[in-house]
C-alpha atoms as a PDB file:
ATOM      1  CA  UNK A   1     -70.040  56.454 -65.881  1.00  0.00           C
ATOM      2  CA  UNK A   2     -70.977  53.496 -63.764  1.00  0.00           C
ATOM      3  CA  UNK A   3     -69.428  51.171 -66.345  1.00  0.00           C
ATOM      4  CA  UNK A   4     -66.168  53.104 -66.228  1.00  0.00           C
ATOM      5  CA  UNK A   5     -66.150  52.737 -62.462  1.00  0.00           C
ATOM      6  CA  UNK A   6     -66.709  48.973 -62.812  1.00  0.00           C
ATOM      7  CA  UNK A   7     -63.765  48.772 -65.200  1.00  0.00           C
ATOM      8  CA  UNK A   8     -61.565  50.805 -62.836  1.00  0.00           C
ATOM      9  CA  UNK A   9     -62.538  48.811 -59.756  1.00  0.00           C
ATOM     10  CA  UNK A  10     -60.222  45.816 -60.425  1.00  0.00           C
ATOM     11  CA  UNK A  11     -57.367  48.241 -61.065  1.00  0.00           C
ATOM     12  CA  UNK A  12     -58.035  50.076 -57.804  1.00  0.00           C
ATOM     13  CA  UNK A  13     -58.212  46.792 -55.961  1.00  0.00           C
ATOM     14  CA  UNK A  14     -54.912  45.750 -57.528  1.00  0.00           C
ATOM     15  CA  UNK A  15     -53.266  49.017 -56.485  1.00  0.00           C
ATOM     16  CA  UNK A  16     -54.677  48.641 -52.979  1.00  0.00           C
ATOM     17  CA  UNK A  17     -53.479  45.069 -52.801  1.00  0.00           C
ATOM     18  CA  UNK A  18     -50.007  46.134 -53.931  1.00  0.00           C
ATOM     19  CA  UNK A  19     -49.959  48.855 -51.296  1.00  0.00           C
ATOM     20  CA  UNK A  20     -51.076  46.357 -48.669  1.00  0.00           C
ATOM     21  CA  UNK A  21     -48.429  43.853 -49.768  1.00  0.00           C
ATOM     22  CA  UNK A  22     -45.804  46.603 -49.701  1.00  0.00           C
ATOM     23  CA  UNK A  23     -46.878  47.648 -46.200  1.00  0.00           C
ATOM     24  CA  UNK A  24     -46.881  44.043 -45.007  1.00  0.00           C
ATOM     25  CA  UNK A  25     -43.449  43.452 -46.551  1.00  0.00           C
ATOM     26  CA  UNK A  26     -42.093  46.591 -44.886  1.00  0.00           C
ATOM     27  CA  UNK A  27     -43.538  45.522 -41.537  1.00  0.00           C
ATOM     28  CA  UNK A  28     -42.080  42.019 -41.814  1.00  0.00           C
ATOM     29  CA  UNK A  29     -38.733  43.457 -42.850  1.00  0.00           C
ATOM     30  CA  UNK A  30     -38.796  45.819 -39.866  1.00  0.00           C
ATOM     31  CA  UNK A  31     -39.647  42.988 -37.488  1.00  0.00           C
ATOM     32  CA  UNK A  32     -36.966  40.796 -39.037  1.00  0.00           C
ATOM     33  CA  UNK A  33     -34.329  43.489 -38.652  1.00  0.00           C
ATOM     34  CA  UNK A  34     -35.148  44.112 -35.006  1.00  0.00           C
ATOM     35  CA  UNK A  35     -35.829  40.590 -33.782  1.00  0.00           C
ATOM     36  CA  UNK A  36     -34.181  37.940 -35.911  1.00  0.00           C
ATOM     37  CA  UNK A  37     -31.224  39.765 -37.416  1.00  0.00           C
ATOM     38  CA  UNK A  38     -28.303  37.338 -37.363  1.00  0.00           C
ATOM     39  CA  UNK A  39     -24.883  36.943 -38.913  1.00  0.00           C
ATOM     40  CA  UNK A  40     -22.604  33.964 -39.116  1.00  0.00           C
ATOM     41  CA  UNK A  41     -19.485  34.469 -37.050  1.00  0.00           C
ATOM     42  CA  UNK A  42     -16.088  32.875 -37.559  1.00  0.00           C
ATOM     43  CA  UNK A  43     -13.305  31.580 -35.322  1.00  0.00           C
ATOM     44  CA  UNK A  44     -10.748  34.355 -35.123  1.00  0.00           C
ATOM     45  CA  UNK A  45      -7.539  35.191 -33.307  1.00  0.00           C
ATOM     46  CA  UNK A  46      -6.454  38.132 -35.427  1.00  0.00           C
ATOM     47  CA  UNK A  47      -3.274  40.031 -36.193  1.00  0.00           C
ATOM     48  CA  UNK A  48      -1.646  42.627 -33.911  1.00  0.00           C
ATOM     49  CA  UNK A  49      -3.526  45.923 -34.042  1.00  0.00           C
ATOM     50  CA  UNK A  50      -3.117  49.444 -32.738  1.00  0.00           C
ATOM     51  CA  UNK A  51      -5.714  51.551 -30.927  1.00  0.00           C
ATOM     52  CA  UNK A  52      -4.907  55.084 -29.731  1.00  0.00           C
ATOM     53  CA  UNK A  53      -1.185  54.448 -30.031  1.00  0.00           C
ATOM     54  CA  UNK A  54      -1.248  51.174 -28.079  1.00  0.00           C
ATOM     55  CA  UNK A  55      -0.470  47.838 -29.732  1.00  0.00           C
ATOM     56  CA  UNK A  56      -2.437  44.711 -28.833  1.00  0.00           C
ATOM     57  CA  UNK A  57      -1.305  41.183 -29.680  1.00  0.00           C
ATOM     58  CA  UNK A  58      -4.110  38.598 -29.933  1.00  0.00           C
ATOM     59  CA  UNK A  59      -2.949  35.081 -29.089  1.00  0.00           C
ATOM     60  CA  UNK A  60      -4.059  31.710 -27.789  1.00  0.00           C
ATOM     61  CA  UNK A  61      -3.446  31.804 -24.042  1.00  0.00           C
ATOM     62  CA  UNK A  62      -5.071  28.975 -22.105  1.00  0.00           C
ATOM     63  CA  UNK A  63      -3.359  30.082 -18.902  1.00  0.00           C
ATOM     64  CA  UNK A  64      -4.895  33.558 -18.880  1.00  0.00           C
ATOM     65  CA  UNK A  65      -5.947  34.916 -15.452  1.00  0.00           C
ATOM     66  CA  UNK A  66      -6.324  38.595 -14.612  1.00  0.00           C
ATOM     67  CA  UNK A  67      -7.936  40.795 -11.975  1.00  0.00           C
ATOM     68  CA  UNK A  68      -9.108  44.273 -12.792  1.00  0.00           C
ATOM     69  CA  UNK A  69     -12.146  46.391 -13.586  1.00  0.00           C
ATOM     70  CA  UNK A  70     -14.987  45.270 -15.859  1.00  0.00           C
ATOM     71  CA  UNK A  71     -17.360  47.545 -17.727  1.00  0.00           C
ATOM     72  CA  UNK A  72     -20.355  46.871 -19.972  1.00  0.00           C
ATOM     73  CA  UNK A  73     -21.659  48.002 -23.357  1.00  0.00           C
ATOM     74  CA  UNK A  74     -25.124  47.945 -24.873  1.00  0.00           C
ATOM     75  CA  UNK A  75     -27.431  50.265 -26.859  1.00  0.00           C
ATOM     76  CA  UNK A  76     -24.706  52.057 -28.809  1.00  0.00           C
ATOM     77  CA  UNK A  77     -23.496  48.774 -30.326  1.00  0.00           C
ATOM     78  CA  UNK A  78     -26.717  46.734 -30.317  1.00  0.00           C
ATOM     79  CA  UNK A  79     -27.305  45.170 -33.733  1.00  0.00           C
ATOM     80  CA  UNK A  80     -23.794  45.859 -35.017  1.00  0.00           C
ATOM     81  CA  UNK A  81     -21.288  43.216 -36.031  1.00  0.00           C
ATOM     82  CA  UNK A  82     -18.800  41.975 -33.453  1.00  0.00           C
ATOM     83  CA  UNK A  83     -15.126  41.511 -34.262  1.00  0.00           C
ATOM     84  CA  UNK A  84     -15.689  37.907 -35.364  1.00  0.00           C
ATOM     85  CA  UNK A  85     -18.712  38.702 -37.526  1.00  0.00           C
ATOM     86  CA  UNK A  86     -21.634  37.912 -35.234  1.00  0.00           C
ATOM     87  CA  UNK A  87     -24.395  40.399 -34.489  1.00  0.00           C
ATOM     88  CA  UNK A  88     -24.044  41.917 -31.032  1.00  0.00           C
ATOM     89  CA  UNK A  89     -27.150  41.458 -28.901  1.00  0.00           C
ATOM     90  CA  UNK A  90     -26.964  43.356 -25.625  1.00  0.00           C
ATOM     91  CA  UNK A  91     -29.772  41.183 -24.220  1.00  0.00           C
ATOM     92  CA  UNK A  92     -27.733  37.981 -24.391  1.00  0.00           C
ATOM     93  CA  UNK A  93     -24.604  37.028 -22.451  1.00  0.00           C
ATOM     94  CA  UNK A  94     -21.315  37.791 -24.222  1.00  0.00           C
ATOM     95  CA  UNK A  95     -18.042  39.643 -23.716  1.00  0.00           C
ATOM     96  CA  UNK A  96     -15.339  41.623 -25.465  1.00  0.00           C
ATOM     97  CA  UNK A  97     -11.664  41.040 -24.747  1.00  0.00           C
ATOM     98  CA  UNK A  98      -8.596  42.633 -26.287  1.00  0.00           C
ATOM     99  CA  UNK A  99      -6.507  39.568 -27.088  1.00  0.00           C
ATOM    100  CA  UNK A 100      -8.217  36.218 -26.397  1.00  0.00           C
ATOM    101  CA  UNK A 101      -9.395  34.081 -29.350  1.00  0.00           C
ATOM    102  CA  UNK A 102     -12.994  34.474 -30.450  1.00  0.00           C
ATOM    103  CA  UNK A 103     -14.848  32.508 -29.330  1.00  0.00           C
ATOM    104  CA  UNK A 104     -13.299  31.681 -25.964  1.00  0.00           C
ATOM    105  CA  UNK A 105     -15.019  30.839 -22.683  1.00  0.00           C
ATOM    106  CA  UNK A 106     -14.003  32.857 -19.645  1.00  0.00           C
ATOM    107  CA  UNK A 107     -15.048  32.671 -16.029  1.00  0.00           C
ATOM    108  CA  UNK A 108     -15.921  36.161 -14.767  1.00  0.00           C
ATOM    109  CA  UNK A 109     -16.261  36.625 -11.006  1.00  0.00           C
ATOM    110  CA  UNK A 110     -17.591  39.835  -9.489  1.00  0.00           C
ATOM    111  CA  UNK A 111     -15.259  40.260  -6.509  1.00  0.00           C
ATOM    112  CA  UNK A 112     -17.701  42.658  -4.834  1.00  0.00           C
ATOM    113  CA  UNK A 113     -20.759  40.400  -4.557  1.00  0.00           C
ATOM    114  CA  UNK A 114     -19.498  36.883  -5.295  1.00  0.00           C
ATOM    115  CA  UNK A 115     -21.543  36.314  -8.448  1.00  0.00           C
ATOM    116  CA  UNK A 116     -19.705  34.349 -11.128  1.00  0.00           C
ATOM    117  CA  UNK A 117     -20.554  32.904 -14.514  1.00  0.00           C
ATOM    118  CA  UNK A 118     -19.054  31.509 -17.689  1.00  0.00           C
ATOM    119  CA  UNK A 119     -19.195  33.941 -20.611  1.00  0.00           C
ATOM    120  CA  UNK A 120     -18.328  33.565 -24.272  1.00  0.00           C
ATOM    121  CA  UNK A 121     -15.949  36.128 -25.789  1.00  0.00           C
ATOM    122  CA  UNK A 122     -16.956  37.152 -29.322  1.00  0.00           C
ATOM    123  CA  UNK A 123     -15.737  40.756 -29.642  1.00  0.00           C
ATOM    124  CA  UNK A 124     -12.711  43.018 -29.182  1.00  0.00           C
ATOM    125  CA  UNK A 125     -12.402  45.646 -26.459  1.00  0.00           C
ATOM    126  CA  UNK A 126     -12.399  47.456 -24.122  1.00  0.00           C
ATOM    127  CA  UNK A 127      -9.721  49.902 -25.233  1.00  0.00           C
ATOM    128  CA  UNK A 128      -9.436  51.924 -22.040  1.00  0.00           C
ATOM    129  CA  UNK A 129      -6.372  51.132 -19.922  1.00  0.00           C
ATOM    130  CA  UNK A 130      -8.492  50.980 -16.799  1.00  0.00           C
ATOM    131  CA  UNK A 131     -10.758  48.100 -17.958  1.00  0.00           C
ATOM    132  CA  UNK A 132      -9.861  44.473 -18.663  1.00  0.00           C
ATOM    133  CA  UNK A 133     -13.138  43.167 -20.100  1.00  0.00           C
ATOM    134  CA  UNK A 134     -16.364  44.561 -21.547  1.00  0.00           C
ATOM    135  CA  UNK A 135     -19.545  42.579 -20.894  1.00  0.00           C
ATOM    136  CA  UNK A 136     -22.891  42.769 -22.632  1.00  0.00           C
ATOM    137  CA  UNK A 137     -25.621  44.582 -20.746  1.00  0.00           C
ATOM    138  CA  UNK A 138     -27.271  41.252 -19.916  1.00  0.00           C
ATOM    139  CA  UNK A 139     -24.064  39.840 -18.453  1.00  0.00           C
ATOM    140  CA  UNK A 140     -23.635  42.979 -16.339  1.00  0.00           C
ATOM    141  CA  UNK A 141     -27.193  42.566 -15.047  1.00  0.00           C
ATOM    142  CA  UNK A 142     -26.600  38.978 -14.032  1.00  0.00           C
ATOM    143  CA  UNK A 143     -23.297  39.773 -12.348  1.00  0.00           C
ATOM    144  CA  UNK A 144     -24.961  42.634 -10.507  1.00  0.00           C
ATOM    145  CA  UNK A 145     -23.176  45.768 -11.694  1.00  0.00           C
ATOM    146  CA  UNK A 146     -25.315  47.192 -14.515  1.00  0.00           C
ATOM    147  CA  UNK A 147     -26.355  50.230 -12.475  1.00  0.00           C
ATOM    148  CA  UNK A 148     -22.878  50.799 -11.008  1.00  0.00           C
ATOM    149  CA  UNK A 149     -21.334  50.629 -14.480  1.00  0.00           C
ATOM    150  CA  UNK A 150     -18.152  48.899 -13.345  1.00  0.00           C
ATOM    151  CA  UNK A 151     -17.055  46.118 -11.008  1.00  0.00           C
ATOM    152  CA  UNK A 152     -13.869  44.625  -9.642  1.00  0.00           C
ATOM    153  CA  UNK A 153     -13.590  41.237 -11.308  1.00  0.00           C
ATOM    154  CA  UNK A 154     -11.442  38.208 -11.827  1.00  0.00           C
ATOM    155  CA  UNK A 155     -11.309  36.875 -15.390  1.00  0.00           C
ATOM    156  CA  UNK A 156      -9.853  33.457 -16.160  1.00  0.00           C
ATOM    157  CA  UNK A 157     -10.061  31.428 -19.313  1.00  0.00           C
ATOM    158  CA  UNK A 158     -11.668  27.985 -19.115  1.00  0.00           C
ATOM    159  CA  UNK A 159      -9.053  26.064 -21.062  1.00  0.00           C
ATOM    160  CA  UNK A 160     -10.847  22.794 -21.831  1.00  0.00           C
ATOM    161  CA  UNK A 161     -14.084  24.445 -22.906  1.00  0.00           C
ATOM    162  CA  UNK A 162     -12.220  27.057 -24.963  1.00  0.00           C
ATOM    163  CA  UNK A 163     -10.232  24.353 -26.733  1.00  0.00           C
ATOM    164  CA  UNK A 164     -13.417  22.438 -27.480  1.00  0.00           C
ATOM    165  CA  UNK A 165     -15.290  25.441 -28.802  1.00  0.00           C
ATOM    166  CA  UNK A 166     -12.286  26.463 -30.917  1.00  0.00           C
ATOM    167  CA  UNK A 167     -12.063  22.999 -32.454  1.00  0.00           C
ATOM    168  CA  UNK A 168     -15.785  22.879 -33.212  1.00  0.00           C
ATOM    169  CA  UNK A 169     -15.800  26.444 -34.526  1.00  0.00           C
ATOM    170  CA  UNK A 170     -13.071  25.655 -37.020  1.00  0.00           C
ATOM    171  CA  UNK A 171     -14.885  22.523 -38.195  1.00  0.00           C
ATOM    172  CA  UNK A 172     -18.302  24.154 -38.370  1.00  0.00           C
ATOM    173  CA  UNK A 173     -17.735  27.897 -38.471  1.00  0.00           C
ATOM    174  CA  UNK A 174     -21.325  28.816 -37.708  1.00  0.00           C
ATOM    175  CA  UNK A 175     -22.119  26.426 -34.861  1.00  0.00           C
ATOM    176  CA  UNK A 176     -21.610  29.020 -32.139  1.00  0.00           C
ATOM    177  CA  UNK A 177     -23.687  31.720 -33.835  1.00  0.00           C
ATOM    178  CA  UNK A 178     -27.011  29.937 -33.492  1.00  0.00           C
ATOM    179  CA  UNK A 179     -27.979  31.935 -30.428  1.00  0.00           C
ATOM    180  CA  UNK A 180     -29.240  29.088 -28.263  1.00  0.00           C
ATOM    181  CA  UNK A 181     -30.336  30.249 -24.821  1.00  0.00           C
ATOM    182  CA  UNK A 182     -30.449  28.323 -21.607  1.00  0.00           C
ATOM    183  CA  UNK A 183     -32.103  28.855 -18.270  1.00  0.00           C
ATOM    184  CA  UNK A 184     -30.196  30.651 -15.562  1.00  0.00           C
ATOM    185  CA  UNK A 185     -29.752  28.810 -12.319  1.00  0.00           C
ATOM    186  CA  UNK A 186     -28.229  30.220  -9.137  1.00  0.00           C
ATOM    187  CA  UNK A 187     -26.222  28.075  -6.776  1.00  0.00           C
ATOM    188  CA  UNK A 188     -24.300  28.799  -3.616  1.00  0.00           C
ATOM    189  CA  UNK A 189     -20.948  27.063  -3.500  1.00  0.00           C
ATOM    190  CA  UNK A 190     -19.663  25.538  -0.328  1.00  0.00           C
ATOM    191  CA  UNK A 191     -16.383  24.560  -1.946  1.00  0.00           C
ATOM    192  CA  UNK A 192     -14.592  24.652  -5.262  1.00  0.00           C
ATOM    193  CA  UNK A 193     -16.794  24.081  -8.283  1.00  0.00           C
ATOM    194  CA  UNK A 194     -15.892  21.919 -11.213  1.00  0.00           C
ATOM    195  CA  UNK A 195     -15.727  24.657 -13.842  1.00  0.00           C
ATOM    196  CA  UNK A 196     -18.408  24.450 -16.479  1.00  0.00           C
ATOM    197  CA  UNK A 197     -20.619  22.008 -14.609  1.00  0.00           C
ATOM    198  CA  UNK A 198     -24.320  22.682 -14.216  1.00  0.00           C
ATOM    199  CA  UNK A 199     -25.574  22.303 -10.677  1.00  0.00           C
ATOM    200  CA  UNK A 200     -29.299  21.827 -10.155  1.00  0.00           C
ATOM    201  CA  UNK A 201     -29.185  22.570  -6.448  1.00  0.00           C
ATOM    202  CA  UNK A 202     -32.068  24.706  -5.176  1.00  0.00           C
ATOM    203  CA  UNK A 203     -30.938  28.346  -4.977  1.00  0.00           C
ATOM    204  CA  UNK A 204     -30.503  30.096  -1.662  1.00  0.00           C
ATOM    205  CA  UNK A 205     -32.963  32.968  -0.996  1.00  0.00           C
ATOM    206  CA  UNK A 206     -31.943  36.123  -2.827  1.00  0.00           C
ATOM    207  CA  UNK A 207     -33.219  39.689  -3.019  1.00  0.00           C
ATOM    208  CA  UNK A 208     -36.218  40.388  -5.251  1.00  0.00           C
ATOM    209  CA  UNK A 209     -34.070  42.575  -7.489  1.00  0.00           C
ATOM    210  CA  UNK A 210     -31.517  39.792  -7.962  1.00  0.00           C
ATOM    211  CA  UNK A 211     -34.195  37.232  -8.778  1.00  0.00           C
ATOM    212  CA  UNK A 212     -35.825  39.657 -11.212  1.00  0.00           C
ATOM    213  CA  UNK A 213     -32.522  39.845 -13.063  1.00  0.00           C
ATOM    214  CA  UNK A 214     -32.441  36.077 -13.321  1.00  0.00           C
ATOM    215  CA  UNK A 215     -35.423  35.632 -15.603  1.00  0.00           C
ATOM    216  CA  UNK A 216     -35.406  32.401 -17.553  1.00  0.00           C
ATOM    217  CA  UNK A 217     -35.955  33.781 -21.024  1.00  0.00           C
ATOM    218  CA  UNK A 218     -33.115  36.176 -21.776  1.00  0.00           C
ATOM    219  CA  UNK A 219     -30.009  34.674 -20.187  1.00  0.00           C
ATOM    220  CA  UNK A 220     -27.490  31.939 -20.606  1.00  0.00           C
ATOM    221  CA  UNK A 221     -25.012  30.007 -18.447  1.00  0.00           C
ATOM    222  CA  UNK A 222     -25.052  29.391 -14.712  1.00  0.00           C
ATOM    223  CA  UNK A 223     -24.768  32.164 -12.131  1.00  0.00           C
ATOM    224  CA  UNK A 224     -22.956  30.873  -9.074  1.00  0.00           C
ATOM    225  CA  UNK A 225     -22.347  32.489  -5.713  1.00  0.00           C
ATOM    226  CA  UNK A 226     -18.800  32.185  -4.418  1.00  0.00           C
ATOM    227  CA  UNK A 227     -17.089  33.561  -1.294  1.00  0.00           C
ATOM    228  CA  UNK A 228     -16.252  37.255  -1.554  1.00  0.00           C
ATOM    229  CA  UNK A 229     -12.533  38.024  -1.109  1.00  0.00           C
ATOM    230  CA  UNK A 230     -11.825  39.879   2.127  1.00  0.00           C
ATOM    231  CA  UNK A 231      -9.315  42.215   0.518  1.00  0.00           C
ATOM    232  CA  UNK A 232      -9.746  43.920  -2.851  1.00  0.00           C
ATOM    233  CA  UNK A 233      -7.267  46.700  -3.449  1.00  0.00           C
ATOM    234  CA  UNK A 234      -6.920  48.827  -6.577  1.00  0.00           C
ATOM    235  CA  UNK A 235      -3.436  49.785  -7.781  1.00  0.00           C
ATOM    236  CA  UNK A 236      -1.949  51.463 -10.813  1.00  0.00           C
ATOM    237  CA  UNK A 237       0.814  49.320 -12.258  1.00  0.00           C
ATOM    238  CA  UNK A 238       3.290  51.607 -13.982  1.00  0.00           C
ATOM    239  CA  UNK A 239       5.701  48.954 -15.219  1.00  0.00           C
ATOM    240  CA  UNK A 240       7.355  45.575 -14.720  1.00  0.00           C
ATOM    241  CA  UNK A 241      11.064  44.788 -14.834  1.00  0.00           C
ATOM    242  CA  UNK A 242      13.296  41.749 -14.808  1.00  0.00           C
ATOM    243  CA  UNK A 243      15.828  43.600 -12.621  1.00  0.00           C
ATOM    244  CA  UNK A 244      14.862  45.002  -9.222  1.00  0.00           C
ATOM    245  CA  UNK A 245      17.171  48.030  -9.425  1.00  0.00           C
ATOM    246  CA  UNK A 246      15.301  49.311 -12.498  1.00  0.00           C
ATOM    247  CA  UNK A 247      11.992  48.862 -10.692  1.00  0.00           C
ATOM    248  CA  UNK A 248      13.274  50.784  -7.677  1.00  0.00           C
ATOM    249  CA  UNK A 249      14.392  53.661  -9.898  1.00  0.00           C
ATOM    250  CA  UNK A 250      10.882  53.949 -11.323  1.00  0.00           C
ATOM    251  CA  UNK A 251       9.445  53.711  -7.817  1.00  0.00           C
ATOM    252  CA  UNK A 252      11.417  56.781  -6.716  1.00  0.00           C
ATOM    253  CA  UNK A 253      10.222  58.744  -9.750  1.00  0.00           C
ATOM    254  CA  UNK A 254       6.613  57.916  -8.899  1.00  0.00           C
ATOM    255  CA  UNK A 255       6.835  58.739  -5.178  1.00  0.00           C
ATOM    256  CA  UNK A 256       5.369  62.264  -5.637  1.00  0.00           C
ATOM    257  CA  UNK A 257       2.077  60.723  -6.855  1.00  0.00           C
ATOM    258  CA  UNK A 258       1.457  58.800  -3.635  1.00  0.00           C
ATOM    259  CA  UNK A 259       2.427  55.554  -1.914  1.00  0.00           C
ATOM    260  CA  UNK A 260       4.424  53.246  -4.202  1.00  0.00           C
ATOM    261  CA  UNK A 261       5.716  49.705  -3.925  1.00  0.00           C
ATOM    262  CA  UNK A 262       7.707  47.074  -5.797  1.00  0.00           C
ATOM    263  CA  UNK A 263       6.025  43.668  -5.921  1.00  0.00           C
ATOM    264  CA  UNK A 264       7.751  40.480  -6.978  1.00  0.00           C
ATOM    265  CA  UNK A 265       5.803  38.155  -9.281  1.00  0.00           C
ATOM    266  CA  UNK A 266       6.618  34.858 -10.968  1.00  0.00           C
ATOM    267  CA  UNK A 267       5.146  34.428 -14.445  1.00  0.00           C
ATOM    268  CA  UNK A 268       5.980  31.110 -16.024  1.00  0.00           C
ATOM    269  CA  UNK A 269       9.602  30.567 -15.053  1.00  0.00           C
ATOM    270  CA  UNK A 270      10.580  34.214 -15.006  1.00  0.00           C
ATOM    271  CA  UNK A 271      10.664  36.631 -12.064  1.00  0.00           C
ATOM    272  CA  UNK A 272       9.348  40.166 -12.539  1.00  0.00           C
ATOM    273  CA  UNK A 273       9.358  43.230 -10.302  1.00  0.00           C
ATOM    274  CA  UNK A 274       6.185  45.259 -10.672  1.00  0.00           C
ATOM    275  CA  UNK A 275       6.033  48.936  -9.787  1.00  0.00           C
ATOM    276  CA  UNK A 276       2.657  49.949  -8.383  1.00  0.00           C
ATOM    277  CA  UNK A 277       1.076  53.147  -7.062  1.00  0.00           C
ATOM    278  CA  UNK A 278      -1.778  53.064  -4.580  1.00  0.00           C
ATOM    279  CA  UNK A 279      -4.011  51.609  -3.339  1.00  0.00           C
ATOM    280  CA  UNK A 280      -6.944  53.720  -4.485  1.00  0.00           C
ATOM    281  CA  UNK A 281     -10.142  53.613  -2.381  1.00  0.00           C
ATOM    282  CA  UNK A 282     -12.456  53.027  -5.352  1.00  0.00           C
ATOM    283  CA  UNK A 283     -12.616  52.740  -9.143  1.00  0.00           C
ATOM    284  CA  UNK A 284     -13.208  56.469  -9.647  1.00  0.00           C
ATOM    285  CA  UNK A 285     -10.098  57.390  -7.677  1.00  0.00           C
ATOM    286  CA  UNK A 286      -8.206  54.578  -9.383  1.00  0.00           C
ATOM    287  CA  UNK A 287      -9.064  56.044 -12.782  1.00  0.00           C
ATOM    288  CA  UNK A 288      -7.865  59.454 -11.612  1.00  0.00           C
ATOM    289  CA  UNK A 289      -4.585  58.031 -10.298  1.00  0.00           C
ATOM    290  CA  UNK A 290      -4.047  56.113 -13.536  1.00  0.00           C
ATOM    291  CA  UNK A 291      -4.443  59.284 -15.585  1.00  0.00           C
ATOM    292  CA  UNK A 292      -1.884  61.011 -13.360  1.00  0.00           C
ATOM    293  CA  UNK A 293       0.626  58.185 -13.833  1.00  0.00           C
ATOM    294  CA  UNK A 294       0.115  58.205 -17.607  1.00  0.00           C
ATOM    295  CA  UNK A 295       0.497  61.998 -17.709  1.00  0.00           C
ATOM    296  CA  UNK A 296       3.788  61.610 -15.807  1.00  0.00           C
ATOM    297  CA  UNK A 297       5.282  59.751 -18.757  1.00  0.00           C
ATOM    298  CA  UNK A 298       4.178  56.125 -18.314  1.00  0.00           C
ATOM    299  CA  UNK A 299       1.760  55.426 -21.214  1.00  0.00           C
ATOM    300  CA  UNK A 300       1.662  51.664 -20.620  1.00  0.00           C
ATOM    301  CA  UNK A 301       0.391  51.989 -17.026  1.00  0.00           C
ATOM    302  CA  UNK A 302      -2.777  50.073 -16.198  1.00  0.00           C
ATOM    303  CA  UNK A 303      -5.295  49.560 -13.418  1.00  0.00           C
ATOM    304  CA  UNK A 304      -5.101  46.253 -11.511  1.00  0.00           C
ATOM    305  CA  UNK A 305      -6.870  44.624  -8.583  1.00  0.00           C
ATOM    306  CA  UNK A 306      -5.127  42.562  -5.919  1.00  0.00           C
END
């Protein structure tokens, strides 16, 4: 009996070793999937696409500037592929935009607290008419609106940096998916900043909560503090026309919903007349007003900030 046990012992040890190897492999695989999961992204503009009956037309636009409402996304999409093939990490700084090339570099300024930073676009969205950009959870933390959920922002493309990153991405399609992280630095601007520069000026005193957000391990880019605009008004833009008389006709139709106005705007070399309803006192009321305008027969209406 003892001899049989001796003969079985190596076999039992082998089975135990296999089980241990299997457990170790499973553990490593689990750690790999949750910590180092990566995917090589590609440079992408994309074809026109339709979401909920609305068509979007991706294009290279190095003159892009827009004011509106930003939102953020995180846990629901964490670990999934972005529109250009990277793996979305809510703990790093990134953004989703409906039409800009991926990757592009945009300057996002929170008009409510003056925080601004450069952010790389690598995904598509948001697809709600009342939002112009979706930021990762980390970006929302750094810009100071994670808990609020939304913020009034200005988004403008950084042309030179976007051209450079596009050129490099097309030469080496995986260079921007390496996930390099840089320290966050906070600077207070006395004047206009040279976009994209890194200023090593000692930060001005900030709240403990703000400084906690700016840890040096999980963020990228430079957070700057810029003057906060004195006026930030939310409107619903129902349409834009080349001829004023058409804009005024729409204005009369929208009068029952509240104060309306026709605003002249020059885009490129062309003059447009924008029909707007409002202003709304806050984002929540702006969303409500937008839904009312859409329900009145204006499906292309959108929320804007001026």
